[in-house]
Full PDB file with SEQRES, HELIX, SHEET, SSBOND, CRYST1, ORIGX, SCALE, CONECT and MASTER records, all heavy atoms in Angstrom:
SEQRES   1 A   43  PRO LYS MET MET GLY LEU GLU GLY GLU GLN VAL HIS GLN          
SEQRES   2 A   43  SER GLY SER GLY TRP SER PRO VAL TYR VAL GLU GLU ASN          
SEQRES   3 A   43  LEU GLY VAL MET SER VAL GLY PHE LEU LEU SER SER PRO          
SEQRES   4 A   43  ASP ASP ALA VAL                                              
HELIX    1 AA1 VAL A   32  LEU A   35  5                                   4    
SHEET    1 AA1 2 HIS A  12  SER A  14  0                                        
SHEET    2 AA1 2 GLY A  17  SER A  19 -1                                        
SHEET    1 AA2 2 VAL A  21  GLU A  24  0                                        
SHEET    2 AA2 2 LEU A  27  VAL A  29 -1                                        
CRYST1    1.000    1.000    1.000  90.00  90.00  90.00 P 1           1          
ORIGX1      1.000000  0.000000  0.000000        0.00000                         
ORIGX2      0.000000  1.000000  0.000000        0.00000                         
ORIGX3      0.000000  0.000000  1.000000        0.00000                         
SCALE1      1.000000  0.000000  0.000000        0.00000                         
SCALE2      0.000000  1.000000  0.000000        0.00000                         
SCALE3      0.000000  0.000000  1.000000        0.00000                         
ATOM      1  N   PRO A   1       1.609   0.828  -6.988  1.00  0.00           N  
ATOM      2  CA  PRO A   1       2.507   1.317  -5.933  1.00  0.00           C  
ATOM      3  C   PRO A   1       3.724   2.065  -6.484  1.00  0.00           C  
ATOM      4  O   PRO A   1       4.101   3.119  -5.957  1.00  0.00           O  
ATOM      5  CB  PRO A   1       2.912   0.031  -5.199  1.00  0.00           C  
ATOM      6  CG  PRO A   1       1.722  -0.862  -5.359  1.00  0.00           C  
ATOM      7  CD  PRO A   1       1.237  -0.599  -6.764  1.00  0.00           C  
ATOM      8  N   LYS A   2       4.354   1.535  -7.538  1.00  0.00           N  
ATOM      9  CA  LYS A   2       5.524   2.208  -8.123  1.00  0.00           C  
ATOM     10  C   LYS A   2       5.118   3.519  -8.776  1.00  0.00           C  
ATOM     11  O   LYS A   2       5.791   4.550  -8.615  1.00  0.00           O  
ATOM     12  CB  LYS A   2       6.209   1.298  -9.145  1.00  0.00           C  
ATOM     13  CG  LYS A   2       7.509   1.902  -9.693  1.00  0.00           C  
ATOM     14  CD  LYS A   2       8.275   0.912 -10.514  1.00  0.00           C  
ATOM     15  CE  LYS A   2       9.633   1.481 -10.935  1.00  0.00           C  
ATOM     16  NZ  LYS A   2      10.530   1.713  -9.793  1.00  0.00           N  
ATOM     17  N   MET A   3       4.011   3.505  -9.516  1.00  0.00           N  
ATOM     18  CA  MET A   3       3.575   4.713 -10.224  1.00  0.00           C  
ATOM     19  C   MET A   3       3.170   5.833  -9.276  1.00  0.00           C  
ATOM     20  O   MET A   3       3.233   7.011  -9.633  1.00  0.00           O  
ATOM     21  CB  MET A   3       2.402   4.382 -11.151  1.00  0.00           C  
ATOM     22  CG  MET A   3       2.793   3.552 -12.346  1.00  0.00           C  
ATOM     23  SD  MET A   3       1.383   3.248 -13.421  1.00  0.00           S  
ATOM     24  CE  MET A   3       2.189   2.361 -14.757  1.00  0.00           C  
ATOM     25  N   MET A   4       2.741   5.472  -8.069  1.00  0.00           N  
ATOM     26  CA  MET A   4       2.341   6.486  -7.091  1.00  0.00           C  
ATOM     27  C   MET A   4       3.461   6.814  -6.106  1.00  0.00           C  
ATOM     28  O   MET A   4       3.251   7.556  -5.139  1.00  0.00           O  
ATOM     29  CB  MET A   4       1.102   6.005  -6.320  1.00  0.00           C  
ATOM     30  CG  MET A   4      -0.097   5.690  -7.186  1.00  0.00           C  
ATOM     31  SD  MET A   4      -0.657   7.066  -8.203  1.00  0.00           S  
ATOM     32  CE  MET A   4      -1.497   8.086  -6.993  1.00  0.00           C  
ATOM     33  N   GLY A   5       4.667   6.242  -6.339  1.00  0.00           N  
ATOM     34  CA  GLY A   5       5.801   6.528  -5.465  1.00  0.00           C  
ATOM     35  C   GLY A   5       5.666   5.895  -4.096  1.00  0.00           C  
ATOM     36  O   GLY A   5       6.170   6.427  -3.097  1.00  0.00           O  
ATOM     37  N   LEU A   6       5.018   4.709  -4.023  1.00  0.00           N  
ATOM     38  CA  LEU A   6       4.722   4.079  -2.739  1.00  0.00           C  
ATOM     39  C   LEU A   6       5.363   2.704  -2.573  1.00  0.00           C  
ATOM     40  O   LEU A   6       4.949   1.935  -1.704  1.00  0.00           O  
ATOM     41  CB  LEU A   6       3.192   3.951  -2.562  1.00  0.00           C  
ATOM     42  CG  LEU A   6       2.399   5.263  -2.562  1.00  0.00           C  
ATOM     43  CD1 LEU A   6       0.908   4.971  -2.559  1.00  0.00           C  
ATOM     44  CD2 LEU A   6       2.786   6.130  -1.365  1.00  0.00           C  
ATOM     45  N   GLU A   7       6.336   2.377  -3.407  1.00  0.00           N  
ATOM     46  CA  GLU A   7       6.995   1.065  -3.290  1.00  0.00           C  
ATOM     47  C   GLU A   7       7.605   0.893  -1.901  1.00  0.00           C  
ATOM     48  O   GLU A   7       8.220   1.815  -1.359  1.00  0.00           O  
ATOM     49  CB  GLU A   7       8.086   0.926  -4.362  1.00  0.00           C  
ATOM     50  CG  GLU A   7       7.630   0.158  -5.565  1.00  0.00           C  
ATOM     51  CD  GLU A   7       8.786  -0.229  -6.471  1.00  0.00           C  
ATOM     52  OE1 GLU A   7       9.737   0.550  -6.600  1.00  0.00           O  
ATOM     53  OE2 GLU A   7       8.728  -1.320  -7.056  1.00  0.00           O  
ATOM     54  N   GLY A   8       7.414  -0.301  -1.321  1.00  0.00           N  
ATOM     55  CA  GLY A   8       7.965  -0.579  -0.006  1.00  0.00           C  
ATOM     56  C   GLY A   8       7.038  -0.247   1.141  1.00  0.00           C  
ATOM     57  O   GLY A   8       7.304  -0.597   2.295  1.00  0.00           O  
ATOM     58  N   GLU A   9       5.921   0.437   0.841  1.00  0.00           N  
ATOM     59  CA  GLU A   9       4.945   0.764   1.895  1.00  0.00           C  
ATOM     60  C   GLU A   9       4.163  -0.493   2.289  1.00  0.00           C  
ATOM     61  O   GLU A   9       4.003  -1.414   1.489  1.00  0.00           O  
ATOM     62  CB  GLU A   9       3.973   1.838   1.410  1.00  0.00           C  
ATOM     63  CG  GLU A   9       4.621   3.179   1.122  1.00  0.00           C  
ATOM     64  CD  GLU A   9       5.007   3.912   2.382  1.00  0.00           C  
ATOM     65  OE1 GLU A   9       4.499   3.555   3.464  1.00  0.00           O  
ATOM     66  OE2 GLU A   9       5.831   4.839   2.291  1.00  0.00           O  
ATOM     67  N   GLN A  10       3.660  -0.504   3.507  1.00  0.00           N  
ATOM     68  CA  GLN A  10       2.903  -1.642   4.025  1.00  0.00           C  
ATOM     69  C   GLN A  10       1.502  -1.191   4.432  1.00  0.00           C  
ATOM     70  O   GLN A  10       1.300  -0.028   4.790  1.00  0.00           O  
ATOM     71  CB  GLN A  10       3.610  -2.251   5.241  1.00  0.00           C  
ATOM     72  CG  GLN A  10       5.000  -2.797   4.950  1.00  0.00           C  
ATOM     73  CD  GLN A  10       4.979  -4.032   4.062  1.00  0.00           C  
ATOM     74  OE1 GLN A  10       4.170  -4.932   4.256  1.00  0.00           O  
ATOM     75  NE2 GLN A  10       5.875  -4.081   3.080  1.00  0.00           N  
ATOM     76  N   VAL A  11       0.564  -2.130   4.396  1.00  0.00           N  
ATOM     77  CA  VAL A  11      -0.799  -1.851   4.839  1.00  0.00           C  
ATOM     78  C   VAL A  11      -0.855  -1.946   6.357  1.00  0.00           C  
ATOM     79  O   VAL A  11      -0.279  -2.857   6.960  1.00  0.00           O  
ATOM     80  CB  VAL A  11      -1.787  -2.868   4.208  1.00  0.00           C  
ATOM     81  CG1 VAL A  11      -3.184  -2.703   4.801  1.00  0.00           C  
ATOM     82  CG2 VAL A  11      -1.837  -2.687   2.702  1.00  0.00           C  
ATOM     83  N   HIS A  12      -1.546  -1.000   6.977  1.00  0.00           N  
ATOM     84  CA  HIS A  12      -1.684  -0.995   8.437  1.00  0.00           C  
ATOM     85  C   HIS A  12      -3.111  -1.349   8.831  1.00  0.00           C  
ATOM     86  O   HIS A  12      -4.065  -0.933   8.178  1.00  0.00           O  
ATOM     87  CB  HIS A  12      -1.296   0.371   9.010  1.00  0.00           C  
ATOM     88  CG  HIS A  12       0.125   0.739   8.748  1.00  0.00           C  
ATOM     89  ND1 HIS A  12       1.176   0.163   9.427  1.00  0.00           N  
ATOM     90  CD2 HIS A  12       0.672   1.605   7.856  1.00  0.00           C  
ATOM     91  CE1 HIS A  12       2.309   0.673   8.981  1.00  0.00           C  
ATOM     92  NE2 HIS A  12       2.028   1.545   8.021  1.00  0.00           N  
ATOM     93  N   GLN A  13      -3.231  -2.121   9.884  1.00  0.00           N  
ATOM     94  CA  GLN A  13      -4.530  -2.563  10.389  1.00  0.00           C  
ATOM     95  C   GLN A  13      -4.941  -1.640  11.537  1.00  0.00           C  
ATOM     96  O   GLN A  13      -4.130  -1.297  12.392  1.00  0.00           O  
ATOM     97  CB  GLN A  13      -4.432  -4.004  10.901  1.00  0.00           C  
ATOM     98  CG  GLN A  13      -5.753  -4.623  11.291  1.00  0.00           C  
ATOM     99  CD  GLN A  13      -6.428  -5.319  10.124  1.00  0.00           C  
ATOM    100  OE1 GLN A  13      -5.757  -5.745   9.200  1.00  0.00           O  
ATOM    101  NE2 GLN A  13      -7.735  -5.420  10.165  1.00  0.00           N  
ATOM    102  N   SER A  14      -6.210  -1.231  11.510  1.00  0.00           N  
ATOM    103  CA  SER A  14      -6.739  -0.440  12.619  1.00  0.00           C  
ATOM    104  C   SER A  14      -8.053  -1.072  13.066  1.00  0.00           C  
ATOM    105  O   SER A  14      -8.514  -2.053  12.495  1.00  0.00           O  
ATOM    106  CB  SER A  14      -6.969   1.011  12.178  1.00  0.00           C  
ATOM    107  OG  SER A  14      -8.030   1.077  11.243  1.00  0.00           O  
ATOM    108  N   GLY A  15      -8.662  -0.479  14.078  1.00  0.00           N  
ATOM    109  CA  GLY A  15      -9.921  -1.025  14.578  1.00  0.00           C  
ATOM    110  C   GLY A  15     -11.029  -0.987  13.564  1.00  0.00           C  
ATOM    111  O   GLY A  15     -11.966  -1.788  13.613  1.00  0.00           O  
ATOM    112  N   SER A  16     -10.911  -0.052  12.585  1.00  0.00           N  
ATOM    113  CA  SER A  16     -11.953   0.079  11.562  1.00  0.00           C  
ATOM    114  C   SER A  16     -11.604  -0.643  10.263  1.00  0.00           C  
ATOM    115  O   SER A  16     -12.320  -0.539   9.271  1.00  0.00           O  
ATOM    116  CB  SER A  16     -12.212   1.556  11.265  1.00  0.00           C  
ATOM    117  OG  SER A  16     -11.009   2.201  10.891  1.00  0.00           O  
ATOM    118  N   GLY A  17     -10.487  -1.401  10.253  1.00  0.00           N  
ATOM    119  CA  GLY A  17     -10.105  -2.158   9.052  1.00  0.00           C  
ATOM    120  C   GLY A  17      -8.725  -1.781   8.556  1.00  0.00           C  
ATOM    121  O   GLY A  17      -7.929  -1.169   9.276  1.00  0.00           O  
ATOM    122  N   TRP A  18      -8.434  -2.164   7.312  1.00  0.00           N  
ATOM    123  CA  TRP A  18      -7.155  -1.792   6.705  1.00  0.00           C  
ATOM    124  C   TRP A  18      -7.159  -0.303   6.394  1.00  0.00           C  
ATOM    125  O   TRP A  18      -8.154   0.240   5.921  1.00  0.00           O  
ATOM    126  CB  TRP A  18      -6.938  -2.560   5.397  1.00  0.00           C  
ATOM    127  CG  TRP A  18      -6.577  -3.993   5.573  1.00  0.00           C  
ATOM    128  CD1 TRP A  18      -6.228  -4.622   6.728  1.00  0.00           C  
ATOM    129  CD2 TRP A  18      -6.508  -4.992   4.540  1.00  0.00           C  
ATOM    130  NE1 TRP A  18      -5.945  -5.941   6.482  1.00  0.00           N  
ATOM    131  CE2 TRP A  18      -6.114  -6.198   5.148  1.00  0.00           C  
ATOM    132  CE3 TRP A  18      -6.741  -4.985   3.183  1.00  0.00           C  
ATOM    133  CZ2 TRP A  18      -5.953  -7.382   4.435  1.00  0.00           C  
ATOM    134  CZ3 TRP A  18      -6.584  -6.152   2.455  1.00  0.00           C  
ATOM    135  CH2 TRP A  18      -6.191  -7.341   3.080  1.00  0.00           C  
ATOM    136  N   SER A  19      -6.027   0.339   6.609  1.00  0.00           N  
ATOM    137  CA  SER A  19      -5.898   1.760   6.262  1.00  0.00           C  
ATOM    138  C   SER A  19      -5.216   1.884   4.904  1.00  0.00           C  
ATOM    139  O   SER A  19      -4.183   1.247   4.678  1.00  0.00           O  
ATOM    140  CB  SER A  19      -5.064   2.502   7.312  1.00  0.00           C  
ATOM    141  OG  SER A  19      -5.695   2.449   8.569  1.00  0.00           O  
ATOM    142  N   PRO A  20      -5.759   2.692   3.986  1.00  0.00           N  
ATOM    143  CA  PRO A  20      -5.070   2.904   2.707  1.00  0.00           C  
ATOM    144  C   PRO A  20      -3.713   3.565   2.931  1.00  0.00           C  
ATOM    145  O   PRO A  20      -3.473   4.171   3.990  1.00  0.00           O  
ATOM    146  CB  PRO A  20      -6.016   3.856   1.946  1.00  0.00           C  
ATOM    147  CG  PRO A  20      -7.314   3.814   2.680  1.00  0.00           C  
ATOM    148  CD  PRO A  20      -7.002   3.476   4.088  1.00  0.00           C  
ATOM    149  N   VAL A  21      -2.837   3.452   1.952  1.00  0.00           N  
ATOM    150  CA  VAL A  21      -1.557   4.156   1.987  1.00  0.00           C  
ATOM    151  C   VAL A  21      -1.767   5.501   1.289  1.00  0.00           C  
ATOM    152  O   VAL A  21      -2.286   5.542   0.171  1.00  0.00           O  
ATOM    153  CB  VAL A  21      -0.459   3.341   1.278  1.00  0.00           C  
ATOM    154  CG1 VAL A  21       0.868   4.091   1.310  1.00  0.00           C  
ATOM    155  CG2 VAL A  21      -0.298   1.974   1.944  1.00  0.00           C  
ATOM    156  N   TYR A  22      -1.377   6.588   1.930  1.00  0.00           N  
ATOM    157  CA  TYR A  22      -1.698   7.919   1.408  1.00  0.00           C  
ATOM    158  C   TYR A  22      -0.516   8.554   0.678  1.00  0.00           C  
ATOM    159  O   TYR A  22       0.608   8.575   1.177  1.00  0.00           O  
ATOM    160  CB  TYR A  22      -2.172   8.837   2.534  1.00  0.00           C  
ATOM    161  CG  TYR A  22      -3.600   8.522   2.946  1.00  0.00           C  
ATOM    162  CD1 TYR A  22      -3.858   7.578   3.941  1.00  0.00           C  
ATOM    163  CD2 TYR A  22      -4.674   9.118   2.299  1.00  0.00           C  
ATOM    164  CE1 TYR A  22      -5.168   7.261   4.289  1.00  0.00           C  
ATOM    165  CE2 TYR A  22      -5.980   8.807   2.642  1.00  0.00           C  
ATOM    166  CZ  TYR A  22      -6.221   7.882   3.640  1.00  0.00           C  
ATOM    167  OH  TYR A  22      -7.518   7.549   3.975  1.00  0.00           O  
ATOM    168  N   VAL A  23      -0.817   9.066  -0.532  1.00  0.00           N  
ATOM    169  CA  VAL A  23       0.156   9.845  -1.301  1.00  0.00           C  
ATOM    170  C   VAL A  23       0.095  11.291  -0.813  1.00  0.00           C  
ATOM    171  O   VAL A  23       1.102  11.945  -0.574  1.00  0.00           O  
ATOM    172  CB  VAL A  23      -0.176   9.804  -2.814  1.00  0.00           C  
ATOM    173  CG1 VAL A  23       0.880  10.557  -3.620  1.00  0.00           C  
ATOM    174  CG2 VAL A  23      -0.298   8.383  -3.301  1.00  0.00           C  
ATOM    175  N   GLU A  24      -1.119  11.797  -0.736  1.00  0.00           N  
ATOM    176  CA  GLU A  24      -1.419  13.105  -0.155  1.00  0.00           C  
ATOM    177  C   GLU A  24      -2.517  12.889   0.876  1.00  0.00           C  
ATOM    178  O   GLU A  24      -3.095  11.802   0.959  1.00  0.00           O  
ATOM    179  CB  GLU A  24      -1.912  14.072  -1.254  1.00  0.00           C  
ATOM    180  CG  GLU A  24      -1.012  14.201  -2.462  1.00  0.00           C  
ATOM    181  CD  GLU A  24       0.231  15.028  -2.187  1.00  0.00           C  
ATOM    182  OE1 GLU A  24       0.275  15.677  -1.112  1.00  0.00           O  
ATOM    183  OE2 GLU A  24       1.150  15.025  -3.017  1.00  0.00           O  
ATOM    184  N   GLU A  25      -2.832  13.939   1.612  1.00  0.00           N  
ATOM    185  CA  GLU A  25      -3.878  13.810   2.627  1.00  0.00           C  
ATOM    186  C   GLU A  25      -5.214  13.419   2.015  1.00  0.00           C  
ATOM    187  O   GLU A  25      -6.038  12.783   2.666  1.00  0.00           O  
ATOM    188  CB  GLU A  25      -4.024  15.123   3.408  1.00  0.00           C  
ATOM    189  CG  GLU A  25      -2.902  15.353   4.416  1.00  0.00           C  
ATOM    190  CD  GLU A  25      -3.163  16.562   5.285  1.00  0.00           C  
ATOM    191  OE1 GLU A  25      -4.289  17.108   5.236  1.00  0.00           O  
ATOM    192  OE2 GLU A  25      -2.240  16.964   6.009  1.00  0.00           O  
ATOM    193  N   ASN A  26      -5.417  13.811   0.752  1.00  0.00           N  
ATOM    194  CA  ASN A  26      -6.711  13.531   0.108  1.00  0.00           C  
ATOM    195  C   ASN A  26      -6.598  12.494  -1.009  1.00  0.00           C  
ATOM    196  O   ASN A  26      -7.469  12.418  -1.875  1.00  0.00           O  
ATOM    197  CB  ASN A  26      -7.323  14.825  -0.447  1.00  0.00           C  
ATOM    198  CG  ASN A  26      -6.513  15.413  -1.600  1.00  0.00           C  
ATOM    199  OD1 ASN A  26      -5.292  15.257  -1.655  1.00  0.00           O  
ATOM    200  ND2 ASN A  26      -7.185  16.083  -2.518  1.00  0.00           N  
ATOM    201  N   LEU A  27      -5.526  11.686  -1.001  1.00  0.00           N  
ATOM    202  CA  LEU A  27      -5.355  10.656  -2.030  1.00  0.00           C  
ATOM    203  C   LEU A  27      -4.813   9.374  -1.400  1.00  0.00           C  
ATOM    204  O   LEU A  27      -3.625   9.290  -1.052  1.00  0.00           O  
ATOM    205  CB  LEU A  27      -4.417  11.153  -3.141  1.00  0.00           C  
ATOM    206  CG  LEU A  27      -4.037  10.150  -4.247  1.00  0.00           C  
ATOM    207  CD1 LEU A  27      -5.278   9.512  -4.870  1.00  0.00           C  
ATOM    208  CD2 LEU A  27      -3.205  10.838  -5.329  1.00  0.00           C  
ATOM    209  N   GLY A  28      -5.703   8.384  -1.219  1.00  0.00           N  
ATOM    210  CA  GLY A  28      -5.327   7.103  -0.634  1.00  0.00           C  
ATOM    211  C   GLY A  28      -5.271   5.999  -1.673  1.00  0.00           C  
ATOM    212  O   GLY A  28      -6.012   6.033  -2.662  1.00  0.00           O  
ATOM    213  N   VAL A  29      -4.400   5.018  -1.464  1.00  0.00           N  
ATOM    214  CA  VAL A  29      -4.168   3.940  -2.435  1.00  0.00           C  
ATOM    215  C   VAL A  29      -4.194   2.588  -1.724  1.00  0.00           C  
ATOM    216  O   VAL A  29      -3.710   2.455  -0.591  1.00  0.00           O  
ATOM    217  CB  VAL A  29      -2.786   4.118  -3.131  1.00  0.00           C  
ATOM    218  CG1 VAL A  29      -2.549   3.009  -4.155  1.00  0.00           C  
ATOM    219  CG2 VAL A  29      -2.686   5.487  -3.790  1.00  0.00           C  
ATOM    220  N   MET A  30      -4.763   1.571  -2.407  1.00  0.00           N  
ATOM    221  CA  MET A  30      -4.700   0.197  -1.909  1.00  0.00           C  
ATOM    222  C   MET A  30      -4.342  -0.724  -3.074  1.00  0.00           C  
ATOM    223  O   MET A  30      -4.891  -0.591  -4.173  1.00  0.00           O  
ATOM    224  CB  MET A  30      -6.024  -0.218  -1.290  1.00  0.00           C  
ATOM    225  CG  MET A  30      -6.029  -1.626  -0.712  1.00  0.00           C  
ATOM    226  SD  MET A  30      -4.728  -1.930   0.512  1.00  0.00           S  
ATOM    227  CE  MET A  30      -5.277  -0.877   1.854  1.00  0.00           C  
ATOM    228  N   SER A  31      -3.416  -1.663  -2.810  1.00  0.00           N  
ATOM    229  CA  SER A  31      -2.955  -2.579  -3.852  1.00  0.00           C  
ATOM    230  C   SER A  31      -2.409  -3.835  -3.199  1.00  0.00           C  
ATOM    231  O   SER A  31      -1.902  -3.793  -2.065  1.00  0.00           O  
ATOM    232  CB  SER A  31      -1.857  -1.913  -4.691  1.00  0.00           C  
ATOM    233  OG  SER A  31      -1.216  -2.848  -5.537  1.00  0.00           O  
ATOM    234  N   VAL A  32      -2.489  -4.957  -3.921  1.00  0.00           N  
ATOM    235  CA  VAL A  32      -1.864  -6.185  -3.434  1.00  0.00           C  
ATOM    236  C   VAL A  32      -0.348  -6.010  -3.328  1.00  0.00           C  
ATOM    237  O   VAL A  32       0.318  -6.709  -2.568  1.00  0.00           O  
ATOM    238  CB  VAL A  32      -2.219  -7.381  -4.356  1.00  0.00           C  
ATOM    239  CG1 VAL A  32      -1.517  -7.274  -5.697  1.00  0.00           C  
ATOM    240  CG2 VAL A  32      -1.868  -8.712  -3.691  1.00  0.00           C  
ATOM    241  N   GLY A  33       0.198  -5.031  -4.059  1.00  0.00           N  
ATOM    242  CA  GLY A  33       1.632  -4.757  -3.992  1.00  0.00           C  
ATOM    243  C   GLY A  33       2.098  -4.410  -2.592  1.00  0.00           C  
ATOM    244  O   GLY A  33       3.255  -4.656  -2.239  1.00  0.00           O  
ATOM    245  N   PHE A  34       1.191  -3.855  -1.765  1.00  0.00           N  
ATOM    246  CA  PHE A  34       1.548  -3.502  -0.393  1.00  0.00           C  
ATOM    247  C   PHE A  34       1.595  -4.728   0.521  1.00  0.00           C  
ATOM    248  O   PHE A  34       2.070  -4.638   1.645  1.00  0.00           O  
ATOM    249  CB  PHE A  34       0.546  -2.496   0.184  1.00  0.00           C  
ATOM    250  CG  PHE A  34       0.470  -1.197  -0.574  1.00  0.00           C  
ATOM    251  CD1 PHE A  34      -0.755  -0.575  -0.789  1.00  0.00           C  
ATOM    252  CD2 PHE A  34       1.609  -0.585  -1.066  1.00  0.00           C  
ATOM    253  CE1 PHE A  34      -0.836   0.610  -1.481  1.00  0.00           C  
ATOM    254  CE2 PHE A  34       1.546   0.615  -1.761  1.00  0.00           C  
ATOM    255  CZ  PHE A  34       0.319   1.216  -1.973  1.00  0.00           C  
ATOM    256  N   LEU A  35       1.062  -5.851   0.027  1.00  0.00           N  
ATOM    257  CA  LEU A  35       1.002  -7.067   0.839  1.00  0.00           C  
ATOM    258  C   LEU A  35       2.149  -8.027   0.525  1.00  0.00           C  
ATOM    259  O   LEU A  35       2.283  -9.065   1.167  1.00  0.00           O  
ATOM    260  CB  LEU A  35      -0.332  -7.785   0.615  1.00  0.00           C  
ATOM    261  CG  LEU A  35      -1.599  -6.948   0.832  1.00  0.00           C  
ATOM    262  CD1 LEU A  35      -2.836  -7.762   0.483  1.00  0.00           C  
ATOM    263  CD2 LEU A  35      -1.676  -6.437   2.258  1.00  0.00           C  
ATOM    264  N   LEU A  36       2.963  -7.702  -0.484  1.00  0.00           N  
ATOM    265  CA  LEU A  36       4.059  -8.581  -0.898  1.00  0.00           C  
ATOM    266  C   LEU A  36       5.343  -8.199  -0.177  1.00  0.00           C  
ATOM    267  O   LEU A  36       5.596  -7.028   0.107  1.00  0.00           O  
ATOM    268  CB  LEU A  36       4.269  -8.482  -2.413  1.00  0.00           C  
ATOM    269  CG  LEU A  36       3.043  -8.776  -3.296  1.00  0.00           C  
ATOM    270  CD1 LEU A  36       3.395  -8.572  -4.763  1.00  0.00           C  
ATOM    271  CD2 LEU A  36       2.552 -10.195  -3.064  1.00  0.00           C  
ATOM    272  N   SER A  37       6.183  -9.187   0.100  1.00  0.00           N  
ATOM    273  CA  SER A  37       7.447  -8.916   0.790  1.00  0.00           C  
ATOM    274  C   SER A  37       8.456  -8.235  -0.133  1.00  0.00           C  
ATOM    275  O   SER A  37       9.362  -7.549   0.314  1.00  0.00           O  
ATOM    276  CB  SER A  37       8.045 -10.211   1.340  1.00  0.00           C  
ATOM    277  OG  SER A  37       8.229 -11.158   0.294  1.00  0.00           O  
ATOM    278  N   SER A  38       8.288  -8.419  -1.454  1.00  0.00           N  
ATOM    279  CA  SER A  38       9.191  -7.802  -2.429  1.00  0.00           C  
ATOM    280  C   SER A  38       8.399  -7.477  -3.700  1.00  0.00           C  
ATOM    281  O   SER A  38       7.496  -8.231  -4.080  1.00  0.00           O  
ATOM    282  CB  SER A  38      10.332  -8.762  -2.783  1.00  0.00           C  
ATOM    283  OG  SER A  38      10.961  -8.384  -3.992  1.00  0.00           O  
ATOM    284  N   PRO A  39       8.729  -6.370  -4.397  1.00  0.00           N  
ATOM    285  CA  PRO A  39       8.052  -6.045  -5.657  1.00  0.00           C  
ATOM    286  C   PRO A  39       8.243  -7.119  -6.729  1.00  0.00           C  
ATOM    287  O   PRO A  39       7.484  -7.182  -7.692  1.00  0.00           O  
ATOM    288  CB  PRO A  39       8.698  -4.727  -6.098  1.00  0.00           C  
ATOM    289  CG  PRO A  39       9.353  -4.177  -4.881  1.00  0.00           C  
ATOM    290  CD  PRO A  39       9.720  -5.348  -4.021  1.00  0.00           C  
ATOM    291  N   ASP A  40       9.268  -7.966  -6.550  1.00  0.00           N  
ATOM    292  CA  ASP A  40       9.559  -9.013  -7.543  1.00  0.00           C  
ATOM    293  C   ASP A  40       8.797 -10.310  -7.268  1.00  0.00           C  
ATOM    294  O   ASP A  40       8.881 -11.256  -8.056  1.00  0.00           O  
ATOM    295  CB  ASP A  40      11.061  -9.312  -7.565  1.00  0.00           C  
ATOM    296  CG  ASP A  40      11.885  -8.103  -7.984  1.00  0.00           C  
ATOM    297  OD1 ASP A  40      11.357  -7.279  -8.758  1.00  0.00           O  
ATOM    298  OD2 ASP A  40      13.037  -7.979  -7.528  1.00  0.00           O  
ATOM    299  N   ASP A  41       8.069 -10.375  -6.143  1.00  0.00           N  
ATOM    300  CA  ASP A  41       7.317 -11.590  -5.821  1.00  0.00           C  
ATOM    301  C   ASP A  41       6.190 -11.807  -6.831  1.00  0.00           C  
ATOM    302  O   ASP A  41       5.453 -10.872  -7.165  1.00  0.00           O  
ATOM    303  CB  ASP A  41       6.706 -11.492  -4.411  1.00  0.00           C  
ATOM    304  CG  ASP A  41       7.737 -11.724  -3.325  1.00  0.00           C  
ATOM    305  OD1 ASP A  41       8.885 -12.053  -3.674  1.00  0.00           O  
ATOM    306  OD2 ASP A  41       7.387 -11.563  -2.137  1.00  0.00           O  
ATOM    307  N   ALA A  42       6.053 -13.038  -7.304  1.00  0.00           N  
ATOM    308  CA  ALA A  42       4.959 -13.379  -8.216  1.00  0.00           C  
ATOM    309  C   ALA A  42       3.717 -13.775  -7.419  1.00  0.00           C  
ATOM    310  O   ALA A  42       3.821 -14.475  -6.410  1.00  0.00           O  
ATOM    311  CB  ALA A  42       5.368 -14.536  -9.129  1.00  0.00           C  
ATOM    312  N   VAL A  43       2.562 -13.302  -7.867  1.00  0.00           N  
ATOM    313  CA  VAL A  43       1.289 -13.705  -7.258  1.00  0.00           C  
ATOM    314  C   VAL A  43       0.710 -14.809  -8.139  1.00  0.00           C  
ATOM    315  O   VAL A  43       0.252 -14.552  -9.255  1.00  0.00           O  
ATOM    316  CB  VAL A  43       0.316 -12.509  -7.165  1.00  0.00           C  
ATOM    317  CG1 VAL A  43      -1.001 -12.955  -6.551  1.00  0.00           C  
ATOM    318  CG2 VAL A  43       0.942 -11.395  -6.345  1.00  0.00           C  
TER     319      VAL A  43                                                      
MASTER        0    0    0    1    4    0    0    6  318    1    0    4          
END                                                                             
């Protein structure tokens, strides 16, 4: 998430499932980092 400039983004739920977080229209990203309340949270 940090390397792609997406820190603080959240995953959105739709009827077809989780939606990736998009950097560009043709580049989507998924990470557990999007599910944490803070980047400093330990998993």
